[in-house]
Each structure stands twice: as C-alpha cells, then as structure tokens.
Amino acid sequence: GGVERAAALVDEWRGLEHLNAARERGRGTVLVTAHLGHWEMGGTVLARRGFPMTVVTLDEPSSELTRWRDVLRRQLGIQTIAVGPGREFAFLEMLAALRRNECVAMLVDRPYEGTGVPVDFFGARAEFSTAPALLAHHAGATVLPAFVLFNESRRYLSLAAPIVPMSTGPAARTVLAENTQRIAGVLETTVRAHPTQWFNYVPIWPEAKTVT
C-alpha cells in the first residue's frame, strides 16, 4: 500500500530523541534490531521521517526475489546492502553509508556463519552478530536499538532505545564480545517485554535443553 499506508499503521512513537541525538553526533547510526515485531516496517517509517536508511540483509533464496525486494525498498527510500558469501565489499559499503551520517539497520539475533560471538541471552549461550561493534569501532558510529512493535490498539509502536555505550580500544575479540553483550542485553529486555512477537525461525541456543 505504499509508504503513507505503512506510516499510518504506526500510531505511537517513543525514543525519537535518541534517534535525533545519534544523528547529531554526525558519525552515522547503526540501528540494531531483532526478528521482533514488524522489523521490515521500521526502515519504511524512519525513511519517511527523513532518516537516510540502508538495510543490511542476506540474499533471498532466489536472485529474482532478491532483485524484487531491493527494487521495492528503493521505491520506499531504502537502500540495501547484501552480506554473506561472495559479498566481500559489503562492510566497506556500510562504512561509506555511516560516513555520510546515514542509518544502517541490521538484525543481529541470527548472524550468518562465522560472523558472531557467543553472548548470554536469557541465561544460555547464543551467537549475536559482531557487525555493530565493528562498525562502531571503525567508523565511530552510534549504536542504537530500534523496534516496531504491535501495540494494544492493534496498530504499531515505533520504539528507539537509548544509545548503547561502546567500549573503546583495539577491536580485539574481547572488546567486540563485551560490546555485543551490551546489545544482546537490550534486545533481551525488549523480547522479554514482548515475547509473543519474537519470530526467530531457527534454533539459537544449540547447547541449551531448556530456556526460561
């Protein structure tokens, strides 16, 4: 139905001040989110509000579907950077977008193989993407969690959490793990508040028998 119809579904905004504060820093914003709520709508409504938006994603199962998705997003004012095997320059594309003070949005609760570190998530070990921590290190970008959640009025809440502080220093694995754990902590809090809206389609606790 287009941008206007999507935007009309969002009747509540919280945390716009965090988005504006991140933008005012002038180093780009890494928007981190999870497979929670209506994550695809997030980029649309923020692009409509004037935030230059790039979405980081894996390729779809077919090249035709990938092209269709990318064209549709461009029509909505959203650029796409595909990651995964054969996409060696994707990280440089992300850095370039951040250096233009744009927003780079990514799902971090299901990294593709070899791009995550173990974090504590609901009391068990799971892998989260290190990309936000790496981008913060290399570009000085601000890391900000954001979500679009189904609300009690059967419409949507656009929610931006406070800026996540990133430890500085060499991008050693221990520092990346520490910063990624901070991001996982914010996502855990949000998932805990909206558990029925979390749709991660693959097991993320391979070694856990039960998770409470």
Protein backbone atom coordinates (compact mmCIF):
# COMPACT_ATOMS: atom_id res chain seq x y z
CA GLY A 1 0.00 0.00 0.00
CA GLY A 2 2.99 2.36 -0.07
CA VAL A 3 4.80 4.49 2.47
CA GLU A 4 1.80 6.55 3.59
CA ARG A 5 -0.29 3.48 4.38
CA ALA A 6 2.58 1.89 6.30
CA ALA A 7 3.20 5.08 8.25
CA ALA A 8 -0.49 5.33 9.13
CA LEU A 9 -0.24 1.98 10.92
CA VAL A 10 2.19 3.49 13.43
CA ASP A 11 0.19 5.46 15.99
CA GLU A 12 2.80 5.69 18.76
CA TRP A 13 6.42 6.88 18.77
CA ARG A 14 8.85 6.58 21.65
CA GLY A 15 12.53 7.48 21.69
CA LEU A 16 12.73 9.85 18.74
CA GLU A 17 15.04 11.94 20.87
CA HIS A 18 17.55 9.07 20.86
CA LEU A 19 17.44 8.87 17.06
CA ASN A 20 17.92 12.61 16.76
CA ALA A 21 20.78 12.57 19.28
CA ALA A 22 22.52 9.81 17.34
CA ARG A 23 22.17 11.74 14.09
CA GLU A 24 23.51 14.92 15.67
CA ARG A 25 26.74 13.10 16.54
CA GLY A 26 27.44 13.08 12.79
CA ARG A 27 29.19 9.70 12.63
CA GLY A 28 26.35 7.57 11.34
CA THR A 29 23.89 5.38 13.25
CA VAL A 30 23.85 1.59 13.42
CA LEU A 31 20.25 0.62 14.12
CA VAL A 32 20.21 -2.81 15.71
CA THR A 33 17.05 -4.85 15.93
CA ALA A 34 15.83 -8.43 16.21
CA HIS A 35 13.28 -10.64 14.49
CA LEU A 36 10.77 -8.91 16.75
CA GLY A 37 7.52 -7.23 15.78
CA HIS A 38 7.35 -5.78 12.25
CA TRP A 39 11.05 -5.23 11.61
CA GLU A 40 10.60 -4.61 7.88
CA MET A 41 8.29 -1.66 8.57
CA GLY A 42 10.92 0.06 10.69
CA GLY A 43 13.06 1.19 7.78
CA THR A 44 10.00 2.45 5.89
CA VAL A 45 8.64 4.68 8.64
CA LEU A 46 12.08 6.08 9.53
CA ALA A 47 12.90 6.82 5.89
CA ARG A 48 9.60 8.72 5.68
CA ARG A 49 10.69 10.82 8.66
CA GLY A 50 13.83 11.86 6.82
CA PHE A 51 16.39 9.39 8.18
CA PRO A 52 18.59 8.17 5.27
CA MET A 53 18.17 4.41 5.55
CA THR A 54 20.22 1.41 4.45
CA VAL A 55 19.22 -2.13 5.43
CA VAL A 56 21.79 -4.93 5.78
CA THR A 57 20.45 -8.34 4.83
CA LEU A 58 21.25 -11.75 3.41
CA ASP A 59 20.25 -12.61 -0.12
CA GLU A 60 16.83 -14.19 -0.59
CA PRO A 61 16.58 -17.86 -1.70
CA SER A 62 16.34 -16.80 -5.36
CA SER A 63 18.10 -13.99 -7.23
CA GLU A 64 14.77 -12.90 -8.72
CA LEU A 65 13.26 -12.42 -5.24
CA THR A 66 16.38 -10.55 -4.10
CA ARG A 67 16.08 -8.11 -7.03
CA TRP A 68 12.35 -7.62 -6.40
CA ARG A 69 12.98 -6.87 -2.73
CA ASP A 70 15.75 -4.38 -3.48
CA VAL A 71 13.66 -2.53 -6.09
CA LEU A 72 10.70 -2.33 -3.71
CA ARG A 73 12.86 -0.98 -0.92
CA ARG A 74 14.36 1.68 -3.19
CA GLN A 75 10.85 2.82 -4.06
CA LEU A 76 10.30 3.30 -0.33
CA GLY A 77 13.52 5.31 0.05
CA ILE A 78 15.59 2.44 1.46
CA GLN A 79 18.92 1.14 0.15
CA THR A 80 20.03 -2.47 0.66
CA ILE A 81 23.46 -3.95 1.34
CA ALA A 82 23.59 -7.73 0.95
CA VAL A 83 26.02 -9.73 3.09
CA GLY A 84 27.17 -13.31 3.02
CA PRO A 85 29.46 -15.46 0.86
CA GLY A 86 30.72 -13.57 -2.17
CA ARG A 87 29.88 -10.17 -0.65
CA GLU A 88 33.40 -9.23 0.47
CA PHE A 89 32.89 -5.47 -0.01
CA ALA A 90 29.67 -5.21 1.99
CA PHE A 91 31.45 -3.94 5.10
CA LEU A 92 33.05 -1.12 3.09
CA GLU A 93 29.61 -0.16 1.78
CA MET A 94 28.34 0.03 5.37
CA LEU A 95 31.27 2.23 6.40
CA ALA A 96 30.63 4.55 3.46
CA ALA A 97 26.96 4.95 4.42
CA LEU A 98 27.87 5.71 8.03
CA ARG A 99 30.48 8.26 6.99
CA ARG A 100 27.67 10.04 5.14
CA ASN A 101 25.89 10.15 8.53
CA GLU A 102 23.21 7.73 7.40
CA CYS A 103 21.41 4.97 9.28
CA VAL A 104 22.47 1.37 8.71
CA ALA A 105 19.92 -1.11 10.08
CA MET A 106 20.56 -4.77 10.78
CA LEU A 107 19.10 -7.81 12.52
CA VAL A 108 21.65 -9.15 15.00
CA ASP A 109 19.94 -12.15 16.61
CA ARG A 110 20.73 -14.57 13.77
CA PRO A 111 24.23 -14.00 12.30
CA TYR A 112 25.36 -15.97 9.32
CA GLU A 113 28.12 -18.49 9.97
CA GLY A 114 31.42 -17.09 11.20
CA THR A 115 30.21 -13.54 11.97
CA GLY A 116 29.03 -13.86 15.55
CA VAL A 117 30.33 -14.19 19.10
CA PRO A 118 28.73 -16.05 22.00
CA VAL A 119 26.65 -13.90 24.35
CA ASP A 120 24.46 -14.62 27.34
CA PHE A 121 20.84 -14.42 26.17
CA PHE A 122 18.07 -15.49 28.54
CA GLY A 123 20.58 -17.42 30.63
CA ALA A 124 22.03 -19.52 27.80
CA ARG A 125 24.76 -19.02 25.22
CA ALA A 126 23.71 -17.76 21.81
CA GLU A 127 25.57 -16.11 18.94
CA PHE A 128 24.95 -12.48 18.03
CA SER A 129 26.45 -10.55 15.14
CA THR A 130 29.61 -8.54 15.85
CA ALA A 131 28.92 -6.16 12.94
CA PRO A 132 27.52 -3.29 15.07
CA ALA A 133 30.54 -3.36 17.39
CA LEU A 134 32.94 -3.48 14.43
CA LEU A 135 31.20 -0.57 12.72
CA ALA A 136 31.26 1.46 15.92
CA HIS A 137 34.99 0.79 16.19
CA HIS A 138 35.93 1.58 12.58
CA ALA A 139 33.51 4.45 11.87
CA GLY A 140 32.88 5.86 15.34
CA ALA A 141 29.19 5.21 14.63
CA THR A 142 26.47 5.34 17.25
CA VAL A 143 24.72 2.05 18.09
CA LEU A 144 21.02 2.37 18.75
CA PRO A 145 18.40 -0.40 19.26
CA ALA A 146 15.08 0.19 17.46
CA PHE A 147 11.89 -1.82 17.04
CA VAL A 148 8.38 -1.64 15.55
CA LEU A 149 6.01 -3.47 17.89
CA PHE A 150 2.34 -4.44 17.74
CA ASN A 151 0.57 -2.46 20.45
CA GLU A 152 -2.63 -2.68 22.47
CA SER A 153 -4.58 -0.60 19.94
CA ARG A 154 -3.79 -3.29 17.32
CA ARG A 155 -1.55 -0.88 15.48
CA TYR A 156 2.19 -0.30 15.93
CA LEU A 157 4.64 1.37 18.29
CA SER A 158 7.92 2.67 16.88
CA LEU A 159 10.42 2.36 19.72
CA ALA A 160 14.01 3.58 19.86
CA ALA A 161 16.02 2.67 22.97
CA PRO A 162 18.82 4.82 24.39
CA ILE A 163 22.22 4.79 22.70
CA VAL A 164 24.28 1.73 23.66
CA PRO A 165 27.71 2.75 25.03
CA MET A 166 30.58 1.05 23.24
CA SER A 167 33.92 0.27 24.90
CA THR A 168 36.83 1.77 23.01
CA GLY A 169 40.27 0.38 22.29
CA PRO A 170 41.63 -2.13 19.79
CA ALA A 171 38.97 -4.21 18.07
CA ALA A 172 40.11 -7.30 19.94
CA ARG A 173 37.66 -10.16 20.26
CA THR A 174 37.18 -9.49 23.98
CA VAL A 175 36.12 -5.88 23.33
CA LEU A 176 33.84 -6.94 20.47
CA ALA A 177 32.28 -9.58 22.72
CA GLU A 178 31.76 -7.07 25.53
CA ASN A 179 30.04 -4.57 23.24
CA THR A 180 27.94 -7.26 21.57
CA GLN A 181 26.83 -8.47 25.00
CA ARG A 182 25.54 -4.97 25.79
CA ILE A 183 23.46 -5.03 22.63
CA ALA A 184 22.15 -8.51 23.45
CA GLY A 185 21.13 -7.27 26.89
CA VAL A 186 18.93 -4.53 25.41
CA LEU A 187 17.37 -6.97 22.97
CA GLU A 188 16.71 -9.46 25.74
CA THR A 189 14.87 -6.82 27.77
CA THR A 190 12.71 -5.93 24.77
CA VAL A 191 11.97 -9.54 23.82
CA ARG A 192 11.09 -10.29 27.45
CA ALA A 193 8.51 -7.48 27.34
CA HIS A 194 7.04 -8.72 24.02
CA PRO A 195 7.75 -12.49 23.88
CA THR A 196 4.88 -13.37 21.52
CA GLN A 197 6.27 -11.02 18.86
CA TRP A 198 9.70 -12.66 18.54
CA PHE A 199 9.89 -14.74 15.35
CA ASN A 200 13.38 -16.16 15.04
CA TYR A 201 12.88 -19.11 12.73
CA VAL A 202 16.00 -21.09 13.63
CA PRO A 203 17.33 -22.51 16.93
CA ILE A 204 19.74 -20.05 18.54
CA TRP A 205 20.53 -21.97 21.73
CA PRO A 206 22.14 -25.13 20.26
CA GLU A 207 23.54 -26.30 23.59
CA ALA A 208 20.61 -25.45 25.83
CA LYS A 209 18.00 -28.04 26.77
CA THR A 210 15.56 -25.51 28.23
CA VAL A 211 15.46 -21.72 28.33
CA THR A 212 13.40 -19.77 30.84
